[in-house]
């Protein structure tokens, strides 16, 4: 039986999530968190977002909030968090005041009760990423659907450098503008 693109992505996702857990628990994890935060802030200074879409970190994801709160130019930036519905699968952003959310979306992820908004720049966590800027997420397609519906929004991925992969790109995949890692910024031109 030959491997399908979907099964390849599933196995890749499983491997990368386990690797991310090990990396975050390692001695290098805190240094990498700081380095990635510094690089992300540099990118955000250049982009000058008016409303930044972030995410509530889960499953050992990089936490962008630590870096944003420590940066004097970004600490008061207006924020939004995603809210996802299971049926039909859909995602939108809601205004967020930066405090721990009191609610959850339909996928069980902490989410605010604020009004629906549309950020001009969004940060997307990547389980994996390609040199061409395609993101491997958790497999639900929420972020790709949202990006397809909002092509004018600047999408910035964040990932650990070891998560650079080669993977089959599927028709629904949407490329990120760039991916920020603890080692630098990857654009499709690199």
N, C-alpha and C. Protein backbone atom coordinates (compact mmCIF):
# COMPACT_ATOMS: atom_id res chain seq x y z
N UNK A 1 0.85 -1.19 0.00
CA UNK A 1 0.00 0.00 0.00
C UNK A 1 0.89 1.24 0.00
N UNK A 2 0.68 2.15 -0.92
CA UNK A 2 1.51 3.35 -1.00
C UNK A 2 0.97 4.41 -0.06
N UNK A 3 1.89 5.27 0.36
CA UNK A 3 1.55 6.34 1.29
C UNK A 3 0.83 7.45 0.54
N UNK A 4 -0.28 7.94 1.08
CA UNK A 4 -1.02 9.04 0.48
C UNK A 4 -0.51 10.35 1.04
N UNK A 5 -0.76 11.47 0.34
CA UNK A 5 -0.35 12.76 0.89
C UNK A 5 -0.95 13.01 2.28
N UNK A 6 -2.20 12.62 2.50
CA UNK A 6 -2.83 12.83 3.81
C UNK A 6 -2.15 12.00 4.89
N UNK A 7 -1.82 10.74 4.58
CA UNK A 7 -1.16 9.92 5.59
C UNK A 7 0.26 10.41 5.85
N UNK A 8 0.92 10.92 4.83
CA UNK A 8 2.26 11.50 5.00
C UNK A 8 2.19 12.70 5.94
N UNK A 9 1.21 13.55 5.74
CA UNK A 9 1.06 14.74 6.59
C UNK A 9 0.71 14.34 8.02
N UNK A 10 -0.12 13.33 8.18
CA UNK A 10 -0.48 12.87 9.52
C UNK A 10 0.74 12.35 10.26
N UNK A 11 1.54 11.55 9.60
CA UNK A 11 2.76 11.02 10.23
C UNK A 11 3.76 12.14 10.52
N UNK A 12 3.90 13.06 9.60
CA UNK A 12 4.79 14.21 9.79
C UNK A 12 4.34 15.04 10.98
N UNK A 13 3.05 15.29 11.07
CA UNK A 13 2.48 16.06 12.19
C UNK A 13 2.78 15.37 13.52
N UNK A 14 2.55 14.07 13.58
CA UNK A 14 2.80 13.31 14.81
C UNK A 14 4.27 13.42 15.23
N UNK A 15 5.16 13.25 14.27
CA UNK A 15 6.60 13.33 14.54
C UNK A 15 6.99 14.74 15.02
N UNK A 16 6.51 15.76 14.32
CA UNK A 16 6.88 17.14 14.68
C UNK A 16 6.33 17.56 16.03
N UNK A 17 5.13 17.12 16.36
CA UNK A 17 4.57 17.45 17.67
C UNK A 17 5.39 16.81 18.79
N UNK A 18 5.80 15.57 18.61
CA UNK A 18 6.64 14.91 19.61
C UNK A 18 7.99 15.61 19.73
N UNK A 19 8.55 15.98 18.59
CA UNK A 19 9.84 16.69 18.58
C UNK A 19 9.71 18.05 19.26
N UNK A 20 8.60 18.74 19.01
CA UNK A 20 8.38 20.05 19.64
C UNK A 20 8.29 19.92 21.15
N UNK A 21 7.61 18.89 21.64
CA UNK A 21 7.52 18.66 23.09
C UNK A 21 8.92 18.45 23.68
N UNK A 22 9.71 17.62 23.04
CA UNK A 22 11.08 17.37 23.52
C UNK A 22 11.91 18.65 23.51
N UNK A 23 11.79 19.41 22.42
CA UNK A 23 12.57 20.64 22.29
C UNK A 23 12.19 21.65 23.37
N UNK A 24 10.91 21.85 23.58
CA UNK A 24 10.46 22.81 24.58
C UNK A 24 10.90 22.43 25.99
N UNK A 25 10.99 21.14 26.26
CA UNK A 25 11.41 20.67 27.58
C UNK A 25 12.93 20.65 27.74
N UNK A 26 13.65 20.86 26.65
CA UNK A 26 15.11 20.80 26.71
C UNK A 26 15.70 22.08 27.26
N UNK A 27 16.99 22.04 27.50
CA UNK A 27 17.72 23.21 27.98
C UNK A 27 17.68 24.34 26.95
N UNK A 28 17.60 24.01 25.68
CA UNK A 28 17.58 25.02 24.61
C UNK A 28 16.23 25.72 24.48
N UNK A 29 15.16 25.14 25.02
CA UNK A 29 13.81 25.68 24.86
C UNK A 29 13.64 27.13 25.28
N UNK A 30 14.02 27.51 26.50
CA UNK A 30 13.84 28.91 26.92
C UNK A 30 14.65 29.90 26.07
N UNK A 31 15.87 29.55 25.69
CA UNK A 31 16.67 30.45 24.85
C UNK A 31 16.03 30.61 23.48
N UNK A 32 15.51 29.51 22.94
CA UNK A 32 14.86 29.58 21.64
C UNK A 32 13.59 30.42 21.71
N UNK A 33 12.83 30.29 22.80
CA UNK A 33 11.62 31.11 22.99
C UNK A 33 11.98 32.59 22.95
N UNK A 34 13.04 32.97 23.64
CA UNK A 34 13.45 34.38 23.66
C UNK A 34 13.92 34.84 22.28
N UNK A 35 14.75 34.02 21.62
CA UNK A 35 15.25 34.39 20.30
C UNK A 35 14.12 34.53 19.28
N UNK A 36 13.17 33.61 19.30
CA UNK A 36 12.04 33.69 18.38
C UNK A 36 11.20 34.92 18.69
N UNK A 37 11.01 35.22 19.97
CA UNK A 37 10.27 36.41 20.35
C UNK A 37 10.92 37.68 19.84
N UNK A 38 12.23 37.77 19.95
CA UNK A 38 12.95 38.96 19.47
C UNK A 38 12.80 39.11 17.96
N UNK A 39 12.92 38.02 17.23
CA UNK A 39 12.79 38.08 15.77
C UNK A 39 11.36 38.43 15.35
N UNK A 40 10.40 37.88 16.06
CA UNK A 40 9.00 38.20 15.76
C UNK A 40 8.74 39.68 15.99
N UNK A 41 9.23 40.23 17.08
CA UNK A 41 9.03 41.66 17.35
C UNK A 41 9.66 42.52 16.26
N UNK A 42 10.83 42.15 15.78
CA UNK A 42 11.46 42.90 14.68
C UNK A 42 10.55 42.91 13.45
N UNK A 43 10.00 41.76 13.12
CA UNK A 43 9.10 41.65 11.97
C UNK A 43 7.86 42.52 12.19
N UNK A 44 7.28 42.46 13.38
CA UNK A 44 6.07 43.24 13.66
C UNK A 44 6.36 44.74 13.65
N UNK A 45 7.53 45.15 14.09
CA UNK A 45 7.89 46.58 14.00
C UNK A 45 7.86 47.02 12.54
N UNK A 46 8.38 46.20 11.64
CA UNK A 46 8.39 46.53 10.22
C UNK A 46 6.98 46.53 9.61
N UNK A 47 6.14 45.60 10.05
CA UNK A 47 4.78 45.49 9.49
C UNK A 47 3.82 46.53 10.03
N UNK A 48 4.05 47.01 11.25
CA UNK A 48 3.20 48.01 11.90
C UNK A 48 1.71 47.65 11.88
N UNK A 49 1.34 46.52 12.48
CA UNK A 49 -0.08 46.13 12.46
C UNK A 49 -0.96 47.12 13.24
N UNK A 50 -2.17 47.29 12.74
CA UNK A 50 -3.16 48.11 13.44
C UNK A 50 -3.98 47.25 14.41
N UNK A 51 -4.22 46.00 14.02
CA UNK A 51 -4.91 45.02 14.85
C UNK A 51 -4.24 43.68 14.58
N UNK A 52 -3.62 43.11 15.59
CA UNK A 52 -2.83 41.90 15.44
C UNK A 52 -3.63 40.68 15.89
N UNK A 53 -3.78 39.73 14.99
CA UNK A 53 -4.39 38.46 15.34
C UNK A 53 -3.32 37.53 15.88
N UNK A 54 -3.48 37.10 17.12
CA UNK A 54 -2.55 36.17 17.74
C UNK A 54 -3.28 34.87 18.00
N UNK A 55 -2.75 34.02 18.84
CA UNK A 55 -3.41 32.76 19.17
C UNK A 55 -3.11 32.44 20.62
N UNK A 56 -3.97 31.64 21.23
CA UNK A 56 -3.75 31.18 22.59
C UNK A 56 -2.89 29.93 22.49
N UNK A 57 -1.64 29.95 23.01
CA UNK A 57 -0.74 28.82 22.81
C UNK A 57 -1.21 27.54 23.51
N UNK A 58 -1.18 26.46 22.77
CA UNK A 58 -1.52 25.13 23.29
C UNK A 58 -0.44 24.15 22.86
N UNK A 59 -0.37 23.01 23.49
CA UNK A 59 0.47 21.90 23.07
C UNK A 59 1.92 22.32 22.79
N UNK A 60 2.54 23.02 23.70
CA UNK A 60 3.94 23.46 23.64
C UNK A 60 4.23 24.40 22.47
N UNK A 61 3.22 25.14 22.00
CA UNK A 61 3.44 26.13 20.96
C UNK A 61 4.26 27.29 21.51
N UNK A 62 4.96 27.97 20.62
CA UNK A 62 5.62 29.21 20.95
C UNK A 62 4.58 30.19 21.47
N UNK A 63 4.91 30.92 22.53
CA UNK A 63 3.98 31.88 23.11
C UNK A 63 4.37 33.30 22.68
N UNK A 64 3.69 33.87 21.69
CA UNK A 64 4.05 35.21 21.22
C UNK A 64 3.71 36.31 22.23
N UNK A 65 2.81 36.02 23.16
CA UNK A 65 2.37 37.04 24.11
C UNK A 65 3.49 37.48 25.02
N UNK A 66 4.40 36.58 25.37
CA UNK A 66 5.53 36.93 26.22
C UNK A 66 6.36 38.02 25.55
N UNK A 67 6.68 37.84 24.28
CA UNK A 67 7.48 38.82 23.54
C UNK A 67 6.72 40.13 23.36
N UNK A 68 5.44 40.05 23.01
CA UNK A 68 4.66 41.27 22.79
C UNK A 68 4.58 42.11 24.06
N UNK A 69 4.36 41.47 25.18
CA UNK A 69 4.21 42.20 26.44
C UNK A 69 5.52 42.83 26.90
N UNK A 70 6.66 42.28 26.48
CA UNK A 70 7.96 42.80 26.89
C UNK A 70 8.45 43.92 25.97
N UNK A 71 7.82 44.12 24.83
CA UNK A 71 8.26 45.11 23.86
C UNK A 71 7.49 46.42 24.07
N UNK A 72 8.18 47.51 24.38
CA UNK A 72 7.48 48.78 24.66
C UNK A 72 6.66 49.30 23.49
N UNK A 73 7.05 48.97 22.25
CA UNK A 73 6.30 49.45 21.10
C UNK A 73 5.11 48.56 20.74
N UNK A 74 5.11 47.34 21.25
CA UNK A 74 4.04 46.39 20.88
C UNK A 74 3.12 46.03 22.04
N UNK A 75 3.49 46.39 23.27
CA UNK A 75 2.73 45.92 24.43
C UNK A 75 1.30 46.44 24.49
N UNK A 76 1.01 47.55 23.83
CA UNK A 76 -0.35 48.09 23.85
C UNK A 76 -1.06 47.92 22.51
N UNK A 77 -0.52 47.09 21.65
CA UNK A 77 -1.11 46.85 20.35
C UNK A 77 -2.49 46.20 20.50
N UNK A 78 -3.50 46.66 19.78
CA UNK A 78 -4.81 46.00 19.82
C UNK A 78 -4.69 44.56 19.30
N UNK A 79 -5.34 43.63 20.02
CA UNK A 79 -5.21 42.21 19.72
C UNK A 79 -6.56 41.56 19.42
N UNK A 80 -6.46 40.43 18.73
CA UNK A 80 -7.63 39.59 18.48
C UNK A 80 -7.19 38.14 18.59
N UNK A 81 -8.11 37.29 19.04
CA UNK A 81 -7.88 35.85 19.12
C UNK A 81 -8.87 35.13 18.22
N UNK A 82 -8.47 33.99 17.67
CA UNK A 82 -9.41 33.23 16.84
C UNK A 82 -10.50 32.55 17.67
N UNK A 83 -11.62 32.35 17.02
CA UNK A 83 -12.73 31.59 17.58
C UNK A 83 -13.14 30.63 16.48
N UNK A 84 -13.16 29.34 16.79
CA UNK A 84 -13.44 28.31 15.78
C UNK A 84 -14.74 27.57 16.07
N UNK A 85 -15.49 27.33 15.00
CA UNK A 85 -16.72 26.54 15.07
C UNK A 85 -16.45 25.18 14.45
N UNK A 86 -17.04 24.15 15.02
CA UNK A 86 -16.84 22.78 14.49
C UNK A 86 -17.70 22.51 13.25
N UNK A 87 -18.97 22.95 13.29
CA UNK A 87 -19.88 22.65 12.18
C UNK A 87 -20.68 23.89 11.83
N UNK A 88 -20.51 24.41 10.63
CA UNK A 88 -19.48 24.03 9.69
C UNK A 88 -18.13 24.55 10.19
N UNK A 89 -17.05 23.92 9.74
CA UNK A 89 -15.72 24.34 10.16
C UNK A 89 -15.48 25.77 9.68
N UNK A 90 -15.28 26.64 10.63
CA UNK A 90 -15.06 28.05 10.31
C UNK A 90 -14.31 28.70 11.46
N UNK A 91 -13.61 29.77 11.14
CA UNK A 91 -12.87 30.52 12.15
C UNK A 91 -13.04 32.00 11.87
N UNK A 92 -13.13 32.77 12.92
CA UNK A 92 -13.06 34.21 12.80
C UNK A 92 -12.28 34.74 14.00
N UNK A 93 -11.94 35.99 13.98
CA UNK A 93 -11.21 36.61 15.10
C UNK A 93 -12.16 37.47 15.91
N UNK A 94 -11.89 37.50 17.21
CA UNK A 94 -12.64 38.35 18.13
C UNK A 94 -11.68 39.27 18.86
N UNK A 95 -12.12 40.50 19.07
CA UNK A 95 -11.30 41.45 19.80
C UNK A 95 -10.98 40.85 21.16
N UNK A 96 -9.74 41.12 21.61
CA UNK A 96 -9.26 40.52 22.85
C UNK A 96 -8.50 41.56 23.66
N UNK A 97 -8.76 41.61 24.95
CA UNK A 97 -8.12 42.60 25.82
C UNK A 97 -6.79 42.14 26.41
N UNK A 98 -6.33 40.95 26.07
CA UNK A 98 -5.04 40.46 26.54
C UNK A 98 -5.09 39.68 27.84
N UNK A 99 -6.23 39.71 28.53
CA UNK A 99 -6.35 38.92 29.76
C UNK A 99 -6.71 37.48 29.41
N UNK A 100 -6.43 36.54 30.32
CA UNK A 100 -6.80 35.15 30.02
C UNK A 100 -8.28 35.05 29.65
N UNK A 101 -8.59 34.43 28.52
CA UNK A 101 -9.98 34.32 28.08
C UNK A 101 -10.82 33.54 29.09
N UNK A 102 -12.06 33.96 29.25
CA UNK A 102 -12.96 33.28 30.17
C UNK A 102 -13.82 32.23 29.47
N UNK A 103 -13.84 32.25 28.15
CA UNK A 103 -14.64 31.29 27.40
C UNK A 103 -13.77 30.37 26.56
N UNK A 104 -14.45 29.49 25.82
CA UNK A 104 -13.79 28.58 24.89
C UNK A 104 -14.56 28.57 23.59
N UNK A 105 -13.83 28.30 22.50
CA UNK A 105 -14.53 28.12 21.24
C UNK A 105 -15.06 26.69 21.15
N UNK A 106 -15.66 26.32 20.04
CA UNK A 106 -16.25 24.99 19.91
C UNK A 106 -15.21 23.86 19.83
N UNK A 107 -13.94 24.22 19.68
CA UNK A 107 -12.86 23.22 19.67
C UNK A 107 -12.20 23.09 21.03
N UNK A 108 -12.72 23.83 22.02
CA UNK A 108 -12.20 23.74 23.38
C UNK A 108 -10.98 24.60 23.65
N UNK A 109 -10.66 25.52 22.75
CA UNK A 109 -9.51 26.40 22.91
C UNK A 109 -9.97 27.70 23.56
N UNK A 110 -9.23 28.21 24.56
CA UNK A 110 -9.62 29.47 25.18
C UNK A 110 -9.81 30.57 24.12
N UNK A 111 -10.91 31.28 24.26
CA UNK A 111 -11.27 32.31 23.29
C UNK A 111 -12.05 33.42 24.00
N UNK A 112 -11.93 34.65 23.51
CA UNK A 112 -12.64 35.76 24.14
C UNK A 112 -14.10 35.83 23.72
N UNK A 113 -14.84 36.63 24.46
CA UNK A 113 -16.25 36.87 24.15
C UNK A 113 -16.43 38.15 23.34
N UNK A 114 -15.33 38.82 22.96
CA UNK A 114 -15.38 40.11 22.28
C UNK A 114 -16.05 40.06 20.91
N UNK A 115 -16.19 41.26 20.34
CA UNK A 115 -16.83 41.41 19.03
C UNK A 115 -15.95 40.82 17.93
N UNK A 116 -16.60 40.34 16.87
CA UNK A 116 -15.86 39.83 15.72
C UNK A 116 -15.15 40.99 15.03
N UNK A 117 -13.88 40.76 14.69
CA UNK A 117 -13.04 41.78 14.05
C UNK A 117 -12.20 41.13 12.96
N UNK A 118 -11.56 41.97 12.16
CA UNK A 118 -10.67 41.45 11.12
C UNK A 118 -9.30 42.09 11.29
N UNK A 119 -8.33 41.33 11.79
CA UNK A 119 -6.98 41.87 11.93
C UNK A 119 -6.33 42.11 10.56
N UNK A 120 -5.35 43.01 10.53
CA UNK A 120 -4.62 43.25 9.28
C UNK A 120 -3.36 42.40 9.21
N UNK A 121 -2.88 41.92 10.37
CA UNK A 121 -1.74 41.01 10.45
C UNK A 121 -2.12 39.90 11.41
N UNK A 122 -1.82 38.66 11.05
CA UNK A 122 -2.09 37.54 11.95
C UNK A 122 -0.83 36.70 12.12
N UNK A 123 -0.68 36.15 13.31
CA UNK A 123 0.41 35.23 13.62
C UNK A 123 -0.19 33.83 13.70
N UNK A 124 0.40 32.91 12.96
CA UNK A 124 -0.12 31.54 12.93
C UNK A 124 0.94 30.57 13.45
N UNK A 125 0.58 29.74 14.42
CA UNK A 125 1.53 28.74 14.89
C UNK A 125 1.67 27.63 13.86
N UNK A 126 2.89 27.17 13.65
CA UNK A 126 3.15 26.12 12.67
C UNK A 126 3.67 24.87 13.39
N UNK A 127 3.03 23.75 13.13
CA UNK A 127 3.60 22.48 13.56
C UNK A 127 4.82 22.21 12.69
N UNK A 128 4.69 22.51 11.41
CA UNK A 128 5.77 22.41 10.45
C UNK A 128 5.58 23.48 9.39
N UNK A 129 6.61 23.69 8.56
CA UNK A 129 6.52 24.69 7.50
C UNK A 129 7.48 24.31 6.39
N UNK A 130 7.21 24.83 5.20
CA UNK A 130 8.09 24.58 4.05
C UNK A 130 8.82 25.86 3.68
N UNK A 131 9.87 25.73 2.89
CA UNK A 131 10.61 26.90 2.41
C UNK A 131 9.72 27.82 1.59
N UNK A 132 8.68 27.27 0.99
CA UNK A 132 7.76 28.06 0.17
C UNK A 132 6.70 28.77 1.00
N UNK A 133 6.74 28.61 2.31
CA UNK A 133 5.81 29.31 3.19
C UNK A 133 4.51 28.60 3.46
N UNK A 134 4.44 27.31 3.17
CA UNK A 134 3.22 26.57 3.49
C UNK A 134 3.33 26.02 4.91
N UNK A 135 2.21 26.00 5.59
CA UNK A 135 2.14 25.65 7.00
C UNK A 135 1.51 24.30 7.18
N UNK A 136 2.07 23.51 8.08
CA UNK A 136 1.43 22.29 8.54
C UNK A 136 0.87 22.61 9.91
N UNK A 137 -0.45 22.53 10.04
CA UNK A 137 -1.10 22.79 11.32
C UNK A 137 -1.58 21.49 11.93
N UNK A 138 -2.72 21.55 12.61
CA UNK A 138 -3.24 20.37 13.29
C UNK A 138 -4.17 19.54 12.41
N UNK A 139 -4.43 20.00 11.19
CA UNK A 139 -5.18 19.18 10.25
C UNK A 139 -6.64 19.54 10.08
N UNK A 140 -7.13 20.57 10.78
CA UNK A 140 -8.53 20.94 10.65
C UNK A 140 -8.82 21.89 9.49
N UNK A 141 -7.79 22.56 8.98
CA UNK A 141 -7.97 23.47 7.86
C UNK A 141 -8.56 24.83 8.22
N UNK A 142 -8.72 25.12 9.50
CA UNK A 142 -9.35 26.38 9.91
C UNK A 142 -8.58 27.59 9.41
N UNK A 143 -7.29 27.60 9.66
CA UNK A 143 -6.50 28.77 9.29
C UNK A 143 -6.43 28.93 7.77
N UNK A 144 -6.27 27.84 7.03
CA UNK A 144 -6.24 27.94 5.56
C UNK A 144 -7.55 28.50 5.02
N UNK A 145 -8.67 28.07 5.56
CA UNK A 145 -9.97 28.60 5.11
C UNK A 145 -10.05 30.10 5.38
N UNK A 146 -9.60 30.49 6.58
CA UNK A 146 -9.67 31.91 6.94
C UNK A 146 -8.76 32.73 6.01
N UNK A 147 -7.55 32.25 5.75
CA UNK A 147 -6.63 32.97 4.87
C UNK A 147 -7.18 33.06 3.44
N UNK A 148 -7.80 32.00 2.97
CA UNK A 148 -8.37 32.03 1.62
C UNK A 148 -9.46 33.10 1.52
N UNK A 149 -10.22 33.28 2.58
CA UNK A 149 -11.29 34.28 2.60
C UNK A 149 -10.77 35.70 2.86
N UNK A 150 -9.52 35.82 3.31
CA UNK A 150 -8.94 37.13 3.65
C UNK A 150 -7.54 37.26 3.04
N UNK A 151 -7.45 37.23 1.71
CA UNK A 151 -6.13 37.21 1.06
C UNK A 151 -5.31 38.48 1.26
N UNK A 152 -5.93 39.57 1.63
CA UNK A 152 -5.22 40.84 1.82
C UNK A 152 -4.56 40.95 3.20
N UNK A 153 -4.83 40.01 4.10
CA UNK A 153 -4.26 40.04 5.44
C UNK A 153 -2.84 39.44 5.39
N UNK A 154 -1.92 40.06 6.11
CA UNK A 154 -0.55 39.56 6.17
C UNK A 154 -0.48 38.44 7.20
N UNK A 155 -0.11 37.25 6.75
CA UNK A 155 -0.03 36.08 7.62
C UNK A 155 1.43 35.72 7.88
N UNK A 156 1.78 35.70 9.16
CA UNK A 156 3.14 35.42 9.60
C UNK A 156 3.12 34.12 10.41
N UNK A 157 3.88 33.15 9.97
CA UNK A 157 3.98 31.91 10.72
C UNK A 157 5.09 31.99 11.76
N UNK A 158 4.92 31.26 12.85
CA UNK A 158 5.99 31.11 13.84
C UNK A 158 6.22 29.62 14.05
N UNK A 159 7.50 29.24 14.07
CA UNK A 159 7.84 27.83 14.19
C UNK A 159 9.26 27.70 14.71
N UNK A 160 9.57 26.52 15.20
CA UNK A 160 10.95 26.21 15.56
C UNK A 160 11.67 25.80 14.30
N UNK A 161 12.92 26.17 14.19
CA UNK A 161 13.69 25.93 12.96
C UNK A 161 13.73 24.44 12.59
N UNK A 162 13.71 23.56 13.57
CA UNK A 162 13.76 22.12 13.25
C UNK A 162 12.48 21.62 12.58
N UNK A 163 11.45 22.45 12.51
CA UNK A 163 10.18 22.04 11.92
C UNK A 163 10.10 22.32 10.42
N UNK A 164 11.22 22.72 9.81
CA UNK A 164 11.27 22.89 8.36
C UNK A 164 11.17 21.52 7.70
N UNK A 165 10.20 21.35 6.82
CA UNK A 165 9.95 20.04 6.21
C UNK A 165 9.69 20.17 4.72
N UNK A 166 9.74 19.05 4.06
CA UNK A 166 9.20 18.93 2.71
C UNK A 166 7.93 18.13 2.86
N UNK A 167 6.86 18.63 2.30
CA UNK A 167 5.58 17.93 2.40
C UNK A 167 4.77 18.21 1.17
N UNK A 168 3.84 17.33 0.86
CA UNK A 168 2.97 17.58 -0.29
C UNK A 168 2.04 18.75 0.02
N UNK A 169 1.94 19.67 -0.92
CA UNK A 169 1.03 20.81 -0.79
C UNK A 169 -0.29 20.39 -1.39
N UNK A 170 -1.37 20.67 -0.65
CA UNK A 170 -2.70 20.30 -1.11
C UNK A 170 -3.41 21.53 -1.67
N UNK A 171 -4.43 21.34 -2.49
CA UNK A 171 -5.09 22.47 -3.15
C UNK A 171 -5.61 23.55 -2.19
N UNK A 172 -6.02 23.17 -0.98
CA UNK A 172 -6.56 24.16 -0.05
C UNK A 172 -5.49 24.92 0.73
N UNK A 173 -4.23 24.48 0.67
CA UNK A 173 -3.15 25.12 1.44
C UNK A 173 -2.92 26.56 0.97
N UNK A 174 -2.76 27.45 1.92
CA UNK A 174 -2.51 28.85 1.65
C UNK A 174 -1.11 29.21 2.16
N UNK A 175 -0.29 29.88 1.34
CA UNK A 175 1.05 30.22 1.80
C UNK A 175 1.05 31.40 2.77
N UNK A 176 1.97 31.35 3.71
CA UNK A 176 2.20 32.46 4.62
C UNK A 176 3.12 33.46 3.93
N UNK A 177 3.10 34.72 4.36
CA UNK A 177 4.02 35.70 3.80
C UNK A 177 5.46 35.36 4.18
N UNK A 178 5.63 34.92 5.43
CA UNK A 178 6.94 34.53 5.92
C UNK A 178 6.76 33.69 7.17
N UNK A 179 7.84 33.00 7.55
CA UNK A 179 7.84 32.21 8.77
C UNK A 179 9.02 32.69 9.61
N UNK A 180 8.75 32.99 10.87
CA UNK A 180 9.78 33.44 11.79
C UNK A 180 10.16 32.25 12.69
N UNK A 181 11.47 31.99 12.79
CA UNK A 181 11.97 30.95 13.68
C UNK A 181 12.98 31.58 14.63
N UNK A 182 13.46 30.78 15.57
CA UNK A 182 14.47 31.28 16.49
C UNK A 182 15.80 31.57 15.78
N UNK A 183 15.95 31.05 14.58
CA UNK A 183 17.19 31.27 13.84
C UNK A 183 17.08 32.34 12.76
N UNK A 184 15.90 32.83 12.50
CA UNK A 184 15.74 33.88 11.49
C UNK A 184 14.38 33.85 10.83
N UNK A 185 14.29 34.53 9.69
CA UNK A 185 13.05 34.65 8.96
C UNK A 185 13.19 33.91 7.63
N UNK A 186 12.20 33.09 7.32
CA UNK A 186 12.18 32.32 6.08
C UNK A 186 11.08 32.89 5.20
N UNK A 187 11.47 33.28 3.99
CA UNK A 187 10.48 33.71 3.00
C UNK A 187 10.59 32.78 1.80
N UNK A 188 9.61 32.79 0.96
CA UNK A 188 9.62 31.88 -0.19
C UNK A 188 10.78 32.19 -1.13
N UNK A 189 11.36 33.37 -1.02
CA UNK A 189 12.49 33.74 -1.88
C UNK A 189 13.83 33.20 -1.34
N UNK A 190 13.83 32.69 -0.10
CA UNK A 190 15.09 32.20 0.51
C UNK A 190 15.61 30.95 -0.16
